[in-house]
């Protein structure tokens, strides 16, 4: 994939059959893509294996640790917890994209995960780790976000990843993970054509719809992609994961009119075949 990276990686060393267009590197060892993203070769990572599925998902994380310790952890040397990731976005004054695992390899970043019908997303996804100690407490700086948007755009275009398959770790590991956190600006990504976001006109219309009960809430969340554990706790965790992505100003695990409207609006836009559990309109209402 990256000519400068392939020679540095050991256990996961591989080169892609197609190399993205490149320009002259501004720095030795770095790659500048026409997207404007400069790729810096990172340390070798053992946290990966040859990919056996088509890339359909982009999973975004925060590291929860500073850059030096994150790079150490992501080298996958710990036999008890071998982890890896394709890209790291640093929090330096001039943020960098650091390449760790070639895209032709599955990096061990998603762990126990699921989205819609897919289980174990390592082999079907690209992973990005963002240096942020806790995206539920610390905002993502503008310079870092500019680079994240450019990198995500590059990946989504290269692999044709659908908007609803651009997800956070908390979306695909419900109840287990909370990153990249409620302060990650998903709406900003969507405004740049990356990831899903509901149409405002649909949300406004659906605010007056009956609030989904527990059974319908579970069905709607599952239809969108969330994999929920049984019982009340499983449902609450699923609602929290959804809110952390789409209703971040209040993450309380409670289905209310706003959460229901956002969920139904997303389904209407991205899963239009899904019944929304809305009361049927009478002929008089249709006429009006």
Protein backbone atom coordinates (compact mmCIF):
# COMPACT_ATOMS: atom_id res chain seq x y z
CA UNK A 1 0.00 0.00 0.00
CA UNK A 2 2.59 2.53 1.12
CA UNK A 3 5.98 2.12 -0.47
CA UNK A 4 7.75 3.73 2.46
CA UNK A 5 5.88 1.65 5.00
CA UNK A 6 6.10 -1.82 3.50
CA UNK A 7 9.84 -2.03 4.00
CA UNK A 8 9.55 -1.07 7.65
CA UNK A 9 6.84 -3.50 8.72
CA UNK A 10 8.01 -6.95 9.81
CA UNK A 11 5.31 -9.48 10.78
CA UNK A 12 2.71 -7.69 8.68
CA UNK A 13 5.02 -6.67 5.83
CA UNK A 14 3.15 -6.61 2.52
CA UNK A 15 2.71 -4.38 -0.50
CA UNK A 16 -0.60 -3.61 -2.21
CA UNK A 17 -1.18 -4.54 -5.83
CA UNK A 18 -2.32 -0.98 -6.52
CA UNK A 19 -0.42 2.01 -5.21
CA UNK A 20 -2.38 5.26 -4.75
CA UNK A 21 -1.11 8.19 -6.82
CA UNK A 22 1.77 9.91 -5.08
CA UNK A 23 3.65 13.15 -5.38
CA UNK A 24 7.16 13.92 -4.31
CA UNK A 25 7.41 13.48 -0.54
CA UNK A 26 8.00 16.71 1.36
CA UNK A 27 9.95 14.81 4.02
CA UNK A 28 12.18 11.79 3.82
CA UNK A 29 10.22 8.60 4.50
CA UNK A 30 6.81 10.29 4.24
CA UNK A 31 4.23 9.90 1.47
CA UNK A 32 2.10 12.78 0.20
CA UNK A 33 -1.17 11.70 -1.41
CA UNK A 34 -3.19 13.83 -3.79
CA UNK A 35 -5.79 14.06 -1.04
CA UNK A 36 -3.23 16.27 0.73
CA UNK A 37 -2.60 13.76 3.52
CA UNK A 38 1.05 13.19 4.37
CA UNK A 39 1.63 9.63 5.57
CA UNK A 40 4.51 9.06 7.99
CA UNK A 41 5.88 5.53 8.41
CA UNK A 42 5.40 4.23 11.93
CA UNK A 43 6.93 1.39 13.94
CA UNK A 44 6.32 -2.21 12.91
CA UNK A 45 3.23 -3.86 14.37
CA UNK A 46 2.64 -7.53 15.09
CA UNK A 47 -1.04 -6.83 15.83
CA UNK A 48 -2.36 -7.99 12.47
CA UNK A 49 -2.78 -10.86 10.02
CA UNK A 50 -3.57 -11.22 6.29
CA UNK A 51 -7.03 -9.89 5.49
CA UNK A 52 -9.70 -12.38 4.36
CA UNK A 53 -12.71 -10.11 3.79
CA UNK A 54 -13.59 -7.13 1.62
CA UNK A 55 -13.20 -3.77 3.35
CA UNK A 56 -16.67 -2.45 4.16
CA UNK A 57 -16.23 -0.54 7.44
CA UNK A 58 -14.21 2.32 8.87
CA UNK A 59 -13.89 2.21 12.67
CA UNK A 60 -12.71 5.27 14.60
CA UNK A 61 -11.16 5.09 18.08
CA UNK A 62 -9.45 7.28 20.63
CA UNK A 63 -6.36 5.84 22.26
CA UNK A 64 -6.96 6.98 25.83
CA UNK A 65 -3.18 7.41 26.16
CA UNK A 66 -0.43 9.78 24.96
CA UNK A 67 1.36 9.26 21.66
CA UNK A 68 4.53 7.45 22.89
CA UNK A 69 2.69 4.84 24.96
CA UNK A 70 0.03 4.44 22.26
CA UNK A 71 2.64 3.66 19.62
CA UNK A 72 4.24 1.15 21.98
CA UNK A 73 0.92 -0.58 22.70
CA UNK A 74 -0.09 -0.63 19.04
CA UNK A 75 3.03 -2.52 18.05
CA UNK A 76 1.19 -5.61 19.32
CA UNK A 77 4.11 -7.03 21.29
CA UNK A 78 2.09 -7.88 24.41
CA UNK A 79 1.28 -11.63 24.18
CA UNK A 80 -1.69 -11.14 26.53
CA UNK A 81 -3.25 -8.37 24.43
CA UNK A 82 -1.93 -8.07 20.91
CA UNK A 83 -3.43 -4.96 19.31
CA UNK A 84 -2.75 -3.03 16.15
CA UNK A 85 -4.25 -0.40 13.88
CA UNK A 86 -3.81 0.86 10.36
CA UNK A 87 -3.43 4.56 11.14
CA UNK A 88 -2.69 6.77 14.14
CA UNK A 89 -3.53 10.48 14.07
CA UNK A 90 -1.28 12.31 16.52
CA UNK A 91 -2.11 15.24 18.78
CA UNK A 92 1.12 17.10 18.15
CA UNK A 93 1.10 20.85 17.37
CA UNK A 94 1.33 19.78 13.73
CA UNK A 95 -0.69 16.53 13.77
CA UNK A 96 0.56 13.59 11.70
CA UNK A 97 -0.92 10.47 10.15
CA UNK A 98 1.29 7.57 11.22
CA UNK A 99 0.98 4.33 9.25
CA UNK A 100 1.34 1.13 11.23
CA UNK A 101 -0.41 -1.72 9.37
CA UNK A 102 -0.95 -2.00 5.59
CA UNK A 103 -4.57 -1.99 4.50
CA UNK A 104 -4.12 -5.43 2.94
CA UNK A 105 -3.83 -6.78 6.50
CA UNK A 106 -6.48 -7.00 9.21
CA UNK A 107 -5.33 -5.05 12.25
CA UNK A 108 -6.42 -6.14 15.73
CA UNK A 109 -8.28 -2.95 16.59
CA UNK A 110 -11.99 -3.79 16.86
CA UNK A 111 -11.85 -6.82 19.16
CA UNK A 112 -15.24 -8.35 19.95
CA UNK A 113 -17.42 -6.34 17.60
CA UNK A 114 -20.46 -6.47 15.35
CA UNK A 115 -22.36 -4.20 12.98
CA UNK A 116 -25.56 -5.25 11.27
CA UNK A 117 -24.86 -8.74 9.92
CA UNK A 118 -21.06 -8.53 10.31
CA UNK A 119 -19.27 -10.11 13.27
CA UNK A 120 -15.67 -9.52 14.26
CA UNK A 121 -14.93 -6.41 12.22
CA UNK A 122 -11.13 -6.66 12.15
CA UNK A 123 -11.13 -8.35 8.76
CA UNK A 124 -13.75 -6.10 7.15
CA UNK A 125 -12.55 -2.75 8.44
CA UNK A 126 -9.89 -0.06 8.45
CA UNK A 127 -9.05 1.24 11.93
CA UNK A 128 -7.99 4.76 12.90
CA UNK A 129 -6.69 5.50 16.40
CA UNK A 130 -6.78 9.18 17.37
CA UNK A 131 -4.55 10.41 20.16
CA UNK A 132 -7.02 11.73 22.75
CA UNK A 133 -7.00 10.85 26.44
CA UNK A 134 -10.81 10.64 26.54
CA UNK A 135 -13.07 11.86 23.75
CA UNK A 136 -15.93 12.06 26.24
CA UNK A 137 -14.04 14.78 28.16
CA UNK A 138 -11.54 16.34 25.77
CA UNK A 139 -12.56 18.00 22.49
CA UNK A 140 -10.75 17.17 19.27
CA UNK A 141 -8.65 20.18 18.16
CA UNK A 142 -9.45 21.77 14.81
CA UNK A 143 -6.04 20.98 13.27
CA UNK A 144 -6.37 17.33 14.27
CA UNK A 145 -9.92 17.14 12.92
CA UNK A 146 -8.87 18.64 9.60
CA UNK A 147 -6.37 15.81 9.18
CA UNK A 148 -8.87 13.17 10.37
CA UNK A 149 -11.42 14.35 7.81
CA UNK A 150 -8.87 14.22 5.00
CA UNK A 151 -7.70 10.74 6.01
CA UNK A 152 -11.25 9.40 6.35
CA UNK A 153 -12.21 10.88 2.99
CA UNK A 154 -9.22 9.17 1.38
CA UNK A 155 -10.16 5.78 2.90
CA UNK A 156 -13.89 6.02 2.19
CA UNK A 157 -13.29 6.94 -1.45
CA UNK A 158 -10.66 4.25 -1.97
CA UNK A 159 -12.89 1.45 -0.67
CA UNK A 160 -16.38 2.76 -1.42
CA UNK A 161 -17.41 2.57 2.25
CA UNK A 162 -21.07 3.43 2.76
CA UNK A 163 -21.93 6.33 5.13
CA UNK A 164 -23.68 4.09 7.67
CA UNK A 165 -20.57 1.90 7.87
CA UNK A 166 -18.38 4.71 9.18
CA UNK A 167 -18.67 3.98 12.89
CA UNK A 168 -17.07 4.44 16.27
CA UNK A 169 -15.68 1.67 18.44
CA UNK A 170 -18.60 2.33 20.81
CA UNK A 171 -21.06 1.63 17.97
CA UNK A 172 -19.65 -1.80 17.16
CA UNK A 173 -18.79 -2.87 20.73
CA UNK A 174 -21.94 -1.80 22.57
CA UNK A 175 -21.55 -1.70 26.33
CA UNK A 176 -17.85 -2.50 26.07
CA UNK A 177 -16.31 0.62 24.53
CA UNK A 178 -17.06 4.36 24.74
CA UNK A 179 -14.65 5.74 22.15
CA UNK A 180 -14.13 7.97 20.23
CA UNK A 181 -16.49 9.63 22.69
CA UNK A 182 -19.38 12.06 22.82
CA UNK A 183 -17.15 14.98 21.86
CA UNK A 184 -16.12 13.46 18.55
CA UNK A 185 -17.78 15.67 15.87
CA UNK A 186 -19.63 13.10 13.77
CA UNK A 187 -21.86 15.77 12.26
CA UNK A 188 -18.80 17.65 10.97
CA UNK A 189 -17.59 14.48 9.27
CA UNK A 190 -21.00 14.01 7.66
CA UNK A 191 -20.94 17.59 6.40
CA UNK A 192 -17.76 16.62 4.55
CA UNK A 193 -19.45 13.57 3.00
CA UNK A 194 -18.08 11.05 5.52
CA UNK A 195 -20.46 8.94 7.58
CA UNK A 196 -24.18 9.08 8.24
CA UNK A 197 -26.32 11.88 9.60
CA UNK A 198 -30.12 12.31 9.60
CA UNK A 199 -31.84 14.94 7.48
CA UNK A 200 -33.07 17.83 9.63
CA UNK A 201 -36.45 17.89 7.84
CA UNK A 202 -37.03 14.23 8.73
CA UNK A 203 -36.03 14.73 12.36
CA UNK A 204 -38.39 17.68 12.70
CA UNK A 205 -41.27 15.71 11.21
CA UNK A 206 -40.64 12.65 13.37
CA UNK A 207 -40.35 14.53 16.70
CA UNK A 208 -44.13 14.31 17.06
CA UNK A 209 -44.21 10.53 16.51
CA UNK A 210 -44.90 8.26 19.48
CA UNK A 211 -41.76 7.43 21.44
CA UNK A 212 -40.74 3.84 20.61
CA UNK A 213 -41.36 1.40 23.44
CA UNK A 214 -38.68 -1.07 24.56
CA UNK A 215 -39.46 -3.72 21.94
CA UNK A 216 -39.62 -1.25 19.06
CA UNK A 217 -36.49 0.56 20.28
CA UNK A 218 -34.59 -2.69 20.18
CA UNK A 219 -35.89 -3.50 16.69
CA UNK A 220 -35.01 -0.06 15.31
CA UNK A 221 -31.51 -0.01 16.82
CA UNK A 222 -30.86 -3.51 15.50
CA UNK A 223 -32.14 -2.57 12.05
CA UNK A 224 -29.71 0.34 11.90
CA UNK A 225 -26.76 -1.85 12.84
CA UNK A 226 -26.36 -2.03 16.63
CA UNK A 227 -25.87 -5.47 18.16
CA UNK A 228 -27.54 -5.49 21.59
CA UNK A 229 -27.29 -7.86 24.52
CA UNK A 230 -30.58 -9.18 25.95
CA UNK A 231 -32.52 -7.45 28.68
CA UNK A 232 -32.95 -3.91 29.97
CA UNK A 233 -29.22 -3.31 30.41
CA UNK A 234 -28.53 -4.42 26.86
CA UNK A 235 -31.13 -2.00 25.52
CA UNK A 236 -29.89 0.85 27.68
CA UNK A 237 -26.33 0.27 26.50
CA UNK A 238 -27.54 0.31 22.91
CA UNK A 239 -29.39 3.59 23.36
CA UNK A 240 -26.31 5.11 25.02
CA UNK A 241 -24.10 4.02 22.13
CA UNK A 242 -26.54 5.56 19.66
CA UNK A 243 -26.78 8.79 21.63
CA UNK A 244 -23.01 9.04 21.97
CA UNK A 245 -22.85 9.15 18.18
CA UNK A 246 -26.00 11.06 17.22
CA UNK A 247 -27.31 12.87 20.36
CA UNK A 248 -24.13 13.66 22.26
CA UNK A 249 -25.48 16.57 24.30
CA UNK A 250 -27.35 14.08 26.52
CA UNK A 251 -26.21 10.48 26.77
CA UNK A 252 -28.57 8.94 29.32
CA UNK A 253 -29.62 5.60 27.84
CA UNK A 254 -33.28 6.64 27.75
CA UNK A 255 -35.40 6.48 24.62
CA UNK A 256 -37.17 9.82 24.26
CA UNK A 257 -38.82 11.76 21.44
CA UNK A 258 -35.55 13.29 20.21
CA UNK A 259 -33.62 10.01 20.25
CA UNK A 260 -36.51 8.23 18.55
CA UNK A 261 -36.78 10.92 15.87
CA UNK A 262 -33.05 10.77 15.13
CA UNK A 263 -33.10 6.98 14.92
CA UNK A 264 -36.16 6.87 12.66
CA UNK A 265 -34.74 9.63 10.44
CA UNK A 266 -31.51 7.68 10.01
CA UNK A 267 -33.43 4.54 9.10
CA UNK A 268 -35.57 6.46 6.64
CA UNK A 269 -32.44 7.80 4.94
CA UNK A 270 -30.12 4.79 5.04
CA UNK A 271 -32.35 1.73 5.65
CA UNK A 272 -35.55 2.77 3.86
CA UNK A 273 -36.93 -0.76 3.85
CA UNK A 274 -37.22 -0.74 7.67
CA UNK A 275 -40.73 -0.34 9.18
CA UNK A 276 -40.53 2.63 11.57
CA UNK A 277 -43.44 1.65 13.79
CA UNK A 278 -45.41 4.80 12.98
CA UNK A 279 -49.20 4.99 13.28
CA UNK A 280 -50.96 4.84 9.93
CA UNK A 281 -52.31 8.14 8.67
CA UNK A 282 -56.00 8.46 8.03
CA UNK A 283 -57.21 9.63 4.59
CA UNK A 284 -58.11 12.99 6.18
CA UNK A 285 -54.58 13.43 7.53
CA UNK A 286 -53.10 12.51 4.15
CA UNK A 287 -55.32 15.08 2.46
CA UNK A 288 -54.23 17.73 4.92
